[in-house]
Amino acid sequence: MQVTGTMAPRRRISLTPKQVSTIEEMTSKNNSNGTIAKAIDVKKSTVAYVAQFVRGGAGAAKVDRRGRPPLLS
């Protein structure tokens, strides 16, 4: 049985430490992912992957919204 229509695996792009530090610096200055991607010539999705850690904070807690609200308990 032959599988057709499968996608070839994407080549993983490794960023240099200088690129990562540039992304972190520009993200902390509230530059958009598109602006950062153009500045260092990488894909916007690659920038978004690194930027999510900077914007999310080191230990950002997830808020649990399940259950009854405290006022109704």
N, C-alpha and C. Protein backbone atom coordinates (compact mmCIF):
# COMPACT_ATOMS: atom_id res chain seq x y z
N MET A 1 0.84 -1.17 0.00
CA MET A 1 0.00 0.00 0.00
C MET A 1 0.89 1.24 0.00
N GLN A 2 0.60 2.15 -0.91
CA GLN A 2 1.40 3.35 -1.04
C GLN A 2 0.60 4.55 -0.53
N VAL A 3 1.24 5.36 0.30
CA VAL A 3 0.58 6.55 0.83
C VAL A 3 0.90 7.71 -0.10
N THR A 4 -0.13 8.38 -0.56
CA THR A 4 0.09 9.52 -1.44
C THR A 4 -0.39 10.79 -0.77
N GLY A 5 0.12 11.88 -1.24
CA GLY A 5 -0.32 13.17 -0.71
C GLY A 5 0.30 13.54 0.63
N THR A 6 1.36 12.87 1.01
CA THR A 6 1.98 13.22 2.29
C THR A 6 2.97 14.35 2.07
N MET A 7 3.15 15.12 3.09
CA MET A 7 4.08 16.25 3.00
C MET A 7 5.46 15.81 3.45
N ALA A 8 6.45 16.36 2.79
CA ALA A 8 7.82 16.09 3.20
C ALA A 8 8.08 16.85 4.50
N PRO A 9 8.90 16.31 5.39
CA PRO A 9 9.18 17.02 6.64
C PRO A 9 9.88 18.33 6.35
N ARG A 10 9.54 19.33 7.14
CA ARG A 10 10.16 20.64 6.97
C ARG A 10 11.54 20.66 7.56
N ARG A 11 12.41 21.38 6.88
CA ARG A 11 13.77 21.53 7.39
C ARG A 11 13.74 22.49 8.57
N ARG A 12 14.32 22.08 9.67
CA ARG A 12 14.33 22.93 10.86
C ARG A 12 15.42 23.97 10.73
N ILE A 13 15.07 25.21 11.02
CA ILE A 13 16.02 26.32 10.94
C ILE A 13 16.60 26.53 12.33
N SER A 14 17.90 26.50 12.45
CA SER A 14 18.49 26.79 13.74
C SER A 14 18.95 28.25 13.75
N LEU A 15 18.62 28.93 14.79
CA LEU A 15 18.97 30.33 14.93
C LEU A 15 20.31 30.45 15.65
N THR A 16 21.06 31.45 15.27
CA THR A 16 22.31 31.72 15.97
C THR A 16 21.98 32.42 17.29
N PRO A 17 22.86 32.35 18.26
CA PRO A 17 22.62 33.05 19.52
C PRO A 17 22.40 34.56 19.32
N LYS A 18 23.08 35.12 18.32
CA LYS A 18 22.91 36.55 18.04
C LYS A 18 21.49 36.84 17.54
N GLN A 19 20.95 35.96 16.68
CA GLN A 19 19.58 36.15 16.19
C GLN A 19 18.58 36.04 17.33
N VAL A 20 18.79 35.07 18.21
CA VAL A 20 17.88 34.89 19.35
C VAL A 20 17.91 36.12 20.25
N SER A 21 19.11 36.64 20.53
CA SER A 21 19.19 37.82 21.39
C SER A 21 18.57 39.04 20.72
N THR A 22 18.69 39.14 19.39
CA THR A 22 18.06 40.24 18.66
C THR A 22 16.55 40.14 18.75
N ILE A 23 16.01 38.93 18.58
CA ILE A 23 14.56 38.73 18.70
C ILE A 23 14.09 39.09 20.10
N GLU A 24 14.81 38.63 21.11
CA GLU A 24 14.43 38.92 22.50
C GLU A 24 14.46 40.42 22.78
N GLU A 25 15.48 41.09 22.28
CA GLU A 25 15.61 42.53 22.51
C GLU A 25 14.49 43.31 21.80
N MET A 26 14.25 42.97 20.54
CA MET A 26 13.22 43.69 19.78
C MET A 26 11.81 43.38 20.29
N THR A 27 11.61 42.16 20.79
CA THR A 27 10.31 41.80 21.36
C THR A 27 10.05 42.58 22.64
N SER A 28 11.07 42.74 23.45
CA SER A 28 10.89 43.50 24.69
C SER A 28 10.61 44.98 24.41
N LYS A 29 10.96 45.44 23.23
CA LYS A 29 10.66 46.83 22.83
C LYS A 29 9.33 46.93 22.09
N ASN A 30 8.54 45.87 22.14
CA ASN A 30 7.21 45.79 21.55
C ASN A 30 7.19 45.93 20.04
N ASN A 31 8.22 45.45 19.35
CA ASN A 31 8.21 45.40 17.89
C ASN A 31 7.37 44.21 17.46
N SER A 32 6.74 44.30 16.30
CA SER A 32 5.91 43.20 15.81
C SER A 32 6.80 42.08 15.27
N ASN A 33 6.21 40.88 15.18
CA ASN A 33 6.96 39.74 14.67
C ASN A 33 7.39 39.98 13.22
N GLY A 34 6.53 40.62 12.43
CA GLY A 34 6.86 40.91 11.04
C GLY A 34 8.05 41.85 10.91
N THR A 35 8.09 42.86 11.76
CA THR A 35 9.20 43.81 11.74
C THR A 35 10.50 43.11 12.11
N ILE A 36 10.45 42.26 13.11
CA ILE A 36 11.64 41.53 13.55
C ILE A 36 12.10 40.57 12.45
N ALA A 37 11.15 39.88 11.83
CA ALA A 37 11.49 38.91 10.79
C ALA A 37 12.19 39.59 9.61
N LYS A 38 11.70 40.76 9.22
CA LYS A 38 12.34 41.49 8.12
C LYS A 38 13.73 41.97 8.51
N ALA A 39 13.89 42.38 9.75
CA ALA A 39 15.17 42.93 10.19
C ALA A 39 16.29 41.88 10.20
N ILE A 40 15.96 40.64 10.56
CA ILE A 40 17.01 39.62 10.64
C ILE A 40 16.86 38.54 9.57
N ASP A 41 15.90 38.72 8.65
CA ASP A 41 15.73 37.85 7.49
C ASP A 41 15.47 36.39 7.86
N VAL A 42 14.45 36.18 8.70
CA VAL A 42 13.96 34.83 9.01
C VAL A 42 12.45 34.84 8.87
N LYS A 43 11.84 33.66 8.89
CA LYS A 43 10.39 33.58 8.75
C LYS A 43 9.70 34.12 10.00
N LYS A 44 8.52 34.68 9.78
CA LYS A 44 7.76 35.27 10.88
C LYS A 44 7.36 34.21 11.90
N SER A 45 7.07 33.00 11.45
CA SER A 45 6.68 31.94 12.38
C SER A 45 7.84 31.56 13.30
N THR A 46 9.07 31.63 12.78
CA THR A 46 10.24 31.35 13.60
C THR A 46 10.41 32.41 14.68
N VAL A 47 10.19 33.67 14.28
CA VAL A 47 10.26 34.77 15.24
C VAL A 47 9.16 34.60 16.30
N ALA A 48 7.97 34.21 15.87
CA ALA A 48 6.85 34.05 16.80
C ALA A 48 7.14 32.98 17.85
N TYR A 49 7.83 31.92 17.44
CA TYR A 49 8.16 30.85 18.38
C TYR A 49 9.06 31.35 19.50
N VAL A 50 10.07 32.13 19.16
CA VAL A 50 10.98 32.67 20.17
C VAL A 50 10.29 33.76 20.99
N ALA A 51 9.53 34.61 20.30
CA ALA A 51 8.90 35.76 20.96
C ALA A 51 7.84 35.34 21.98
N GLN A 52 7.21 34.19 21.78
CA GLN A 52 6.16 33.78 22.73
C GLN A 52 6.74 33.56 24.13
N PHE A 53 7.97 33.14 24.22
CA PHE A 53 8.59 32.94 25.54
C PHE A 53 8.93 34.27 26.20
N VAL A 54 9.32 35.24 25.40
CA VAL A 54 9.66 36.55 25.94
C VAL A 54 8.39 37.27 26.40
N ARG A 55 7.37 37.24 25.56
CA ARG A 55 6.12 37.94 25.89
C ARG A 55 5.35 37.25 26.99
N GLY A 56 5.48 35.93 27.09
CA GLY A 56 4.72 35.18 28.09
C GLY A 56 5.28 35.32 29.49
N GLY A 57 6.50 35.74 29.62
CA GLY A 57 7.11 35.82 30.93
C GLY A 57 7.69 34.49 31.34
N ALA A 58 8.51 34.52 32.36
CA ALA A 58 9.21 33.31 32.78
C ALA A 58 8.26 32.29 33.41
N GLY A 59 7.41 32.74 34.28
CA GLY A 59 6.54 31.80 34.98
C GLY A 59 5.10 32.22 34.94
N ALA A 60 4.61 32.60 33.78
CA ALA A 60 3.23 33.05 33.66
C ALA A 60 2.29 31.88 33.99
N ALA A 61 1.46 32.07 34.97
CA ALA A 61 0.55 31.02 35.40
C ALA A 61 -0.69 31.00 34.52
N LYS A 62 -1.19 29.80 34.28
CA LYS A 62 -2.44 29.68 33.55
C LYS A 62 -3.59 29.89 34.53
N VAL A 63 -4.61 30.58 34.08
CA VAL A 63 -5.77 30.84 34.92
C VAL A 63 -6.77 29.72 34.71
N ASP A 64 -7.20 29.14 35.80
CA ASP A 64 -8.17 28.06 35.74
C ASP A 64 -9.57 28.66 35.79
N ARG A 65 -10.29 28.58 34.70
CA ARG A 65 -11.63 29.18 34.61
C ARG A 65 -12.74 28.14 34.79
N ARG A 66 -12.40 26.97 35.26
CA ARG A 66 -13.43 25.94 35.43
C ARG A 66 -14.12 26.06 36.78
N GLY A 67 -15.30 25.52 36.86
CA GLY A 67 -16.03 25.51 38.13
C GLY A 67 -16.87 26.75 38.32
N ARG A 68 -17.46 26.87 39.47
CA ARG A 68 -18.33 28.01 39.77
C ARG A 68 -17.51 29.23 40.12
N PRO A 69 -17.98 30.41 39.74
CA PRO A 69 -17.29 31.64 40.14
C PRO A 69 -17.31 31.79 41.66
N PRO A 70 -16.31 32.45 42.26
CA PRO A 70 -16.24 32.57 43.70
C PRO A 70 -17.46 33.25 44.33
N LEU A 71 -18.10 34.17 43.60
CA LEU A 71 -19.26 34.84 44.15
C LEU A 71 -20.46 33.91 44.30
N LEU A 72 -20.53 32.87 43.47
CA LEU A 72 -21.67 31.98 43.52
C LEU A 72 -21.44 30.77 44.41
N SER A 73 -20.27 30.61 44.92
CA SER A 73 -19.96 29.44 45.76
C SER A 73 -20.35 29.67 47.19
